[in-house]
Amino acid sequence: MVEQVMGIPMSVDVRGVPDDARTRAAVRQAFAVLHAADRRFSTYREDSEVRRLDRGALAAADISADLREVLAIAARYTAATEGAFTVRAPDGSLDPSGVVKGWAAQRAAEVLVDGGLTDFCLNAGGDVVTHGEREPGLPWRVAVRSPWDPAQLLTVVEQRDGAVATSGVYERGGHVWDGRTGAPARGLVAVTAVAADLTTADVLATCVLAMGVEGVAWAGTQGVRVVLAVLPDGAVLTNAVLTNAVLSDAAVAPLPAARA
């Protein structure tokens, strides 16, 4: 099933169970979670909770538990990156997009699990949650495209339970800012993070993109399984040893371990 959410196509591919009323209900509920997050956190809707908070129409004490959670995640990573990651645009407006999509998609995936689905792939516009297997004995395969050519692959991630997220400047330009300077992040072209959940993978991919090369080794201390970063000259850096994820077709240069 595919639906347009947050201005991008999102899909759920379910395996291993019949296409019955229970399966369809779980998928509908997962999409309902995604649509609700779009309504609540959109920076394009004047009636969204984020926009009402930002313009002072909603007091900070009155925000929902969900928005409080999103802002707490953002605050944690702003501190961890010493300000490189930010949910404030250069004009000062609130924009938690660097957290929201991964957070919402992870919640939707949890709805699918709660609905009894054991083998599925949820694709939120290229950020992916996998659970179980695509076929008995076979992990899911998540393609990571080259930032230079959408028809070419940088690598393929093979995993069962986990998440893959990519943040880059090759489609939307400099939409990720380095909060330390207020300027667009330019040190890296694209970052892909593999983690146990999509909240972590998505926000860490954005953090590394904002931090630049120094963020690649740093991410290894923050819960990623693998991080791949593409430099403007086409070189690819990775953080360290793979765990529960296999990458193929990638020529990568490992960095030294991050400081404790």
Protein backbone atom coordinates (compact mmCIF):
# COMPACT_ATOMS: atom_id res chain seq x y z
CA MET A 1 0.00 0.00 0.00
CA VAL A 2 1.27 3.49 -0.89
CA GLU A 3 0.00 6.85 0.35
CA GLN A 4 1.23 10.42 0.06
CA VAL A 5 2.21 11.72 3.50
CA MET A 6 4.30 14.79 4.40
CA GLY A 7 4.48 15.55 0.69
CA ILE A 8 6.29 12.28 -0.14
CA PRO A 9 5.21 8.72 -1.03
CA MET A 10 5.24 6.30 1.88
CA SER A 11 4.65 2.57 1.49
CA VAL A 12 4.17 -0.59 3.52
CA ASP A 13 5.14 -3.97 2.08
CA VAL A 14 3.81 -6.84 4.20
CA ARG A 15 4.97 -10.45 3.82
CA GLY A 16 4.19 -13.73 5.51
CA VAL A 17 0.53 -13.12 6.36
CA PRO A 18 -2.67 -13.19 4.30
CA ASP A 19 -4.07 -9.96 2.91
CA ASP A 20 -7.03 -10.15 5.26
CA ALA A 21 -9.07 -7.67 7.29
CA ARG A 22 -6.63 -7.78 10.21
CA THR A 23 -3.62 -7.02 8.03
CA ARG A 24 -5.38 -4.19 6.20
CA ALA A 25 -6.57 -2.70 9.50
CA ALA A 26 -3.02 -2.66 10.88
CA VAL A 27 -1.69 -0.96 7.74
CA ARG A 28 -4.53 1.62 7.80
CA GLN A 29 -3.75 2.38 11.44
CA ALA A 30 -0.05 2.81 10.64
CA PHE A 31 -0.86 5.31 7.91
CA ALA A 32 -3.24 7.09 10.29
CA VAL A 33 -0.30 7.61 12.66
CA LEU A 34 1.74 9.13 9.82
CA HIS A 35 -1.06 11.44 8.68
CA ALA A 36 -1.69 12.56 12.26
CA ALA A 37 1.99 13.42 12.68
CA ASP A 38 1.87 15.44 9.45
CA ARG A 39 -1.12 17.44 10.68
CA ARG A 40 0.42 18.06 14.09
CA PHE A 41 4.03 18.82 13.18
CA SER A 42 3.89 20.33 9.69
CA THR A 43 5.68 23.66 9.27
CA TYR A 44 3.47 24.37 6.25
CA ARG A 45 0.09 24.22 8.01
CA GLU A 46 -0.83 27.30 10.00
CA ASP A 47 -3.12 25.19 12.21
CA SER A 48 -0.43 22.65 13.14
CA GLU A 49 0.73 22.41 16.73
CA VAL A 50 4.26 23.35 15.71
CA ARG A 51 3.17 26.51 13.91
CA ARG A 52 0.81 27.54 16.72
CA LEU A 53 3.61 27.09 19.27
CA ASP A 54 6.07 28.98 17.11
CA ARG A 55 3.87 32.03 16.66
CA GLY A 56 2.81 32.13 20.32
CA ALA A 57 -0.76 30.94 19.83
CA LEU A 58 0.00 27.91 22.00
CA ALA A 59 1.81 28.09 25.33
CA ALA A 60 4.78 25.77 25.86
CA ALA A 61 3.04 24.41 28.97
CA ASP A 62 0.08 23.31 26.82
CA ILE A 63 1.83 21.33 24.09
CA SER A 64 1.02 17.67 23.59
CA ALA A 65 3.07 14.83 25.04
CA ASP A 66 4.09 13.90 21.49
CA LEU A 67 5.49 17.34 20.68
CA ARG A 68 7.19 17.42 24.06
CA GLU A 69 8.87 14.10 23.17
CA VAL A 70 9.99 15.34 19.75
CA LEU A 71 11.45 18.52 21.24
CA ALA A 72 13.20 16.52 23.96
CA ILE A 73 14.84 14.32 21.32
CA ALA A 74 15.90 17.44 19.44
CA ALA A 75 17.32 19.04 22.58
CA ARG A 76 19.32 15.91 23.38
CA TYR A 77 20.99 15.88 19.98
CA THR A 78 21.53 19.62 19.92
CA ALA A 79 23.51 19.19 23.13
CA ALA A 80 25.32 16.07 21.88
CA THR A 81 26.45 17.85 18.70
CA GLU A 82 27.39 21.03 20.57
CA GLY A 83 24.78 22.94 18.61
CA ALA A 84 25.40 21.59 15.11
CA PHE A 85 22.00 19.89 15.04
CA THR A 86 19.18 22.36 15.47
CA VAL A 87 15.42 22.57 15.03
CA ARG A 88 15.63 26.32 14.54
CA ALA A 89 15.87 27.60 10.97
CA PRO A 90 18.23 30.52 10.27
CA ASP A 91 15.25 32.88 10.57
CA GLY A 92 14.59 31.58 14.09
CA SER A 93 11.43 29.64 13.25
CA LEU A 94 10.80 26.23 14.75
CA ASP A 95 11.34 23.35 12.32
CA PRO A 96 11.55 19.88 13.94
CA SER A 97 11.56 18.09 10.57
CA GLY A 98 14.95 16.56 11.36
CA VAL A 99 13.24 14.48 14.04
CA VAL A 100 9.61 14.16 13.00
CA LYS A 101 9.67 11.90 9.94
CA GLY A 102 11.82 9.18 11.48
CA TRP A 103 9.97 9.42 14.80
CA ALA A 104 6.56 9.16 13.12
CA ALA A 105 7.58 6.30 10.82
CA GLN A 106 9.03 4.37 13.76
CA ARG A 107 5.74 4.79 15.61
CA ALA A 108 3.87 3.56 12.55
CA ALA A 109 6.13 0.49 12.41
CA GLU A 110 5.36 -0.23 16.06
CA VAL A 111 1.65 -0.12 15.20
CA LEU A 112 2.25 -2.79 12.57
CA VAL A 113 4.05 -4.98 15.12
CA ASP A 114 1.27 -4.47 17.65
CA GLY A 115 -1.17 -5.47 14.90
CA GLY A 116 0.52 -8.86 14.64
CA LEU A 117 2.61 -8.26 11.50
CA THR A 118 6.03 -9.90 11.76
CA ASP A 119 7.53 -9.38 8.28
CA PHE A 120 7.26 -5.96 6.68
CA CYS A 121 9.13 -3.02 5.20
CA LEU A 122 7.90 0.53 5.82
CA ASN A 123 9.43 3.04 3.42
CA ALA A 124 8.98 6.68 4.40
CA GLY A 125 10.27 8.47 1.33
CA GLY A 126 13.55 6.58 1.32
CA ASP A 127 13.93 6.21 5.09
CA VAL A 128 13.15 2.59 5.86
CA VAL A 129 12.12 0.37 8.77
CA THR A 130 12.41 -3.39 8.25
CA HIS A 131 11.05 -6.14 10.45
CA GLY A 132 11.46 -9.88 10.05
CA GLU A 133 12.26 -11.23 6.59
CA ARG A 134 11.23 -10.57 2.98
CA GLU A 135 11.16 -14.31 2.35
CA PRO A 136 11.87 -17.23 4.73
CA GLY A 137 15.59 -17.16 5.48
CA LEU A 138 16.22 -13.94 3.52
CA PRO A 139 16.81 -10.49 5.06
CA TRP A 140 15.34 -7.34 3.61
CA ARG A 141 17.55 -5.46 1.13
CA VAL A 142 17.52 -1.67 1.31
CA ALA A 143 19.17 0.15 -1.59
CA VAL A 144 21.07 3.38 -0.93
CA ARG A 145 21.29 5.49 -4.06
CA SER A 146 24.31 7.40 -5.26
CA PRO A 147 23.93 11.13 -4.62
CA TRP A 148 25.26 11.74 -8.13
CA ASP A 149 22.89 9.47 -10.08
CA PRO A 150 19.54 8.07 -8.85
CA ALA A 151 19.98 5.11 -11.18
CA GLN A 152 23.22 4.07 -9.48
CA LEU A 153 23.54 2.44 -6.05
CA LEU A 154 26.05 3.45 -3.42
CA THR A 155 25.38 0.30 -1.42
CA VAL A 156 22.73 -2.20 -0.34
CA VAL A 157 21.93 -2.78 3.33
CA GLU A 158 20.79 -6.30 4.20
CA GLN A 159 19.08 -6.64 7.56
CA ARG A 160 16.08 -8.04 9.39
CA ASP A 161 15.00 -5.79 12.27
CA GLY A 162 16.41 -2.30 11.85
CA ALA A 163 16.24 1.04 10.09
CA VAL A 164 18.09 2.94 7.38
CA ALA A 165 17.90 6.70 6.87
CA THR A 166 19.64 9.07 4.49
CA SER A 167 20.07 12.83 4.71
CA GLY A 168 21.61 14.71 1.82
CA VAL A 169 21.88 17.94 -0.13
CA TYR A 170 21.63 16.47 -3.61
CA GLU A 171 17.84 16.86 -4.05
CA ARG A 172 16.73 19.76 -1.84
CA GLY A 173 19.98 21.68 -1.72
CA GLY A 174 21.22 23.21 1.54
CA HIS A 175 18.14 22.48 3.66
CA VAL A 176 20.16 21.23 6.66
CA TRP A 177 21.90 23.95 8.66
CA ASP A 178 24.90 23.80 10.90
CA GLY A 179 23.45 25.39 14.01
CA ARG A 180 26.91 26.49 15.11
CA THR A 181 27.25 28.84 12.14
CA GLY A 182 23.69 29.32 10.86
CA ALA A 183 24.95 28.40 7.39
CA PRO A 184 23.93 25.42 5.26
CA ALA A 185 25.91 22.27 5.99
CA ARG A 186 28.39 21.78 3.15
CA GLY A 187 31.06 19.38 4.35
CA LEU A 188 29.21 16.26 3.20
CA VAL A 189 26.93 15.51 0.26
CA ALA A 190 24.97 12.66 1.85
CA VAL A 191 24.87 10.58 5.03
CA THR A 192 23.24 7.19 5.51
CA ALA A 193 22.77 5.83 9.03
CA VAL A 194 21.79 2.26 9.97
CA ALA A 195 20.36 1.81 13.46
CA ALA A 196 17.96 -0.31 15.47
CA ASP A 197 15.12 2.17 15.00
CA LEU A 198 14.26 4.92 12.55
CA THR A 199 14.07 7.69 15.12
CA THR A 200 17.75 7.14 15.85
CA ALA A 201 18.79 6.53 12.24
CA ASP A 202 17.00 9.60 10.89
CA VAL A 203 18.16 12.11 13.47
CA LEU A 204 21.74 10.82 13.44
CA ALA A 205 21.94 11.03 9.64
CA THR A 206 20.92 14.68 9.94
CA CYS A 207 23.34 15.27 12.83
CA VAL A 208 26.28 13.91 10.84
CA LEU A 209 25.33 15.94 7.78
CA ALA A 210 25.27 19.08 9.96
CA MET A 211 28.56 18.24 11.74
CA GLY A 212 30.54 17.25 8.66
CA VAL A 213 33.38 14.73 8.61
CA GLU A 214 33.88 14.90 12.38
CA GLY A 215 30.38 13.51 12.83
CA VAL A 216 31.13 10.18 11.16
CA ALA A 217 33.21 8.74 13.99
CA TRP A 218 31.06 10.56 16.57
CA ALA A 219 27.93 8.76 15.35
CA GLY A 220 29.48 5.45 16.32
CA THR A 221 29.14 6.51 19.96
CA GLN A 222 25.47 7.43 19.56
CA GLY A 223 23.72 4.16 18.71
CA VAL A 224 24.27 3.71 14.98
CA ARG A 225 25.24 0.33 13.60
CA VAL A 226 26.77 1.84 10.48
CA VAL A 227 27.15 5.33 9.07
CA LEU A 228 28.25 6.11 5.52
CA ALA A 229 29.15 9.64 4.51
CA VAL A 230 29.78 10.87 0.96
CA LEU A 231 32.22 13.74 0.55
CA PRO A 232 31.98 16.32 -2.25
CA ASP A 233 34.86 14.63 -4.08
CA GLY A 234 32.96 11.30 -4.10
CA ALA A 235 34.97 9.60 -1.35
CA VAL A 236 32.92 7.52 1.10
CA LEU A 237 33.72 7.27 4.81
CA THR A 238 32.30 4.77 7.29
CA ASN A 239 32.50 4.56 11.07
CA ALA A 240 33.50 0.98 11.95
CA VAL A 241 32.57 -2.67 12.16
CA LEU A 242 29.17 -3.81 10.88
CA THR A 243 26.75 -5.44 13.32
CA ASN A 244 23.54 -7.14 12.21
CA ALA A 245 23.76 -5.34 8.88
CA VAL A 246 25.66 -6.31 5.76
CA LEU A 247 26.67 -3.75 3.15
CA SER A 248 27.55 -4.78 -0.36
CA ASP A 249 28.96 -2.89 -3.33
CA ALA A 250 30.45 -0.13 -1.18
CA ALA A 251 34.06 0.98 -1.34
CA VAL A 252 34.55 2.70 2.00
CA ALA A 253 37.45 4.06 4.04
CA PRO A 254 37.09 3.49 7.81
CA LEU A 255 37.75 6.28 10.27
CA PRO A 256 39.51 5.85 13.61
CA ALA A 257 37.28 5.29 16.63
CA ALA A 258 35.69 8.33 18.18
CA ARG A 259 36.86 9.67 21.51
CA ALA A 260 34.94 8.32 24.49
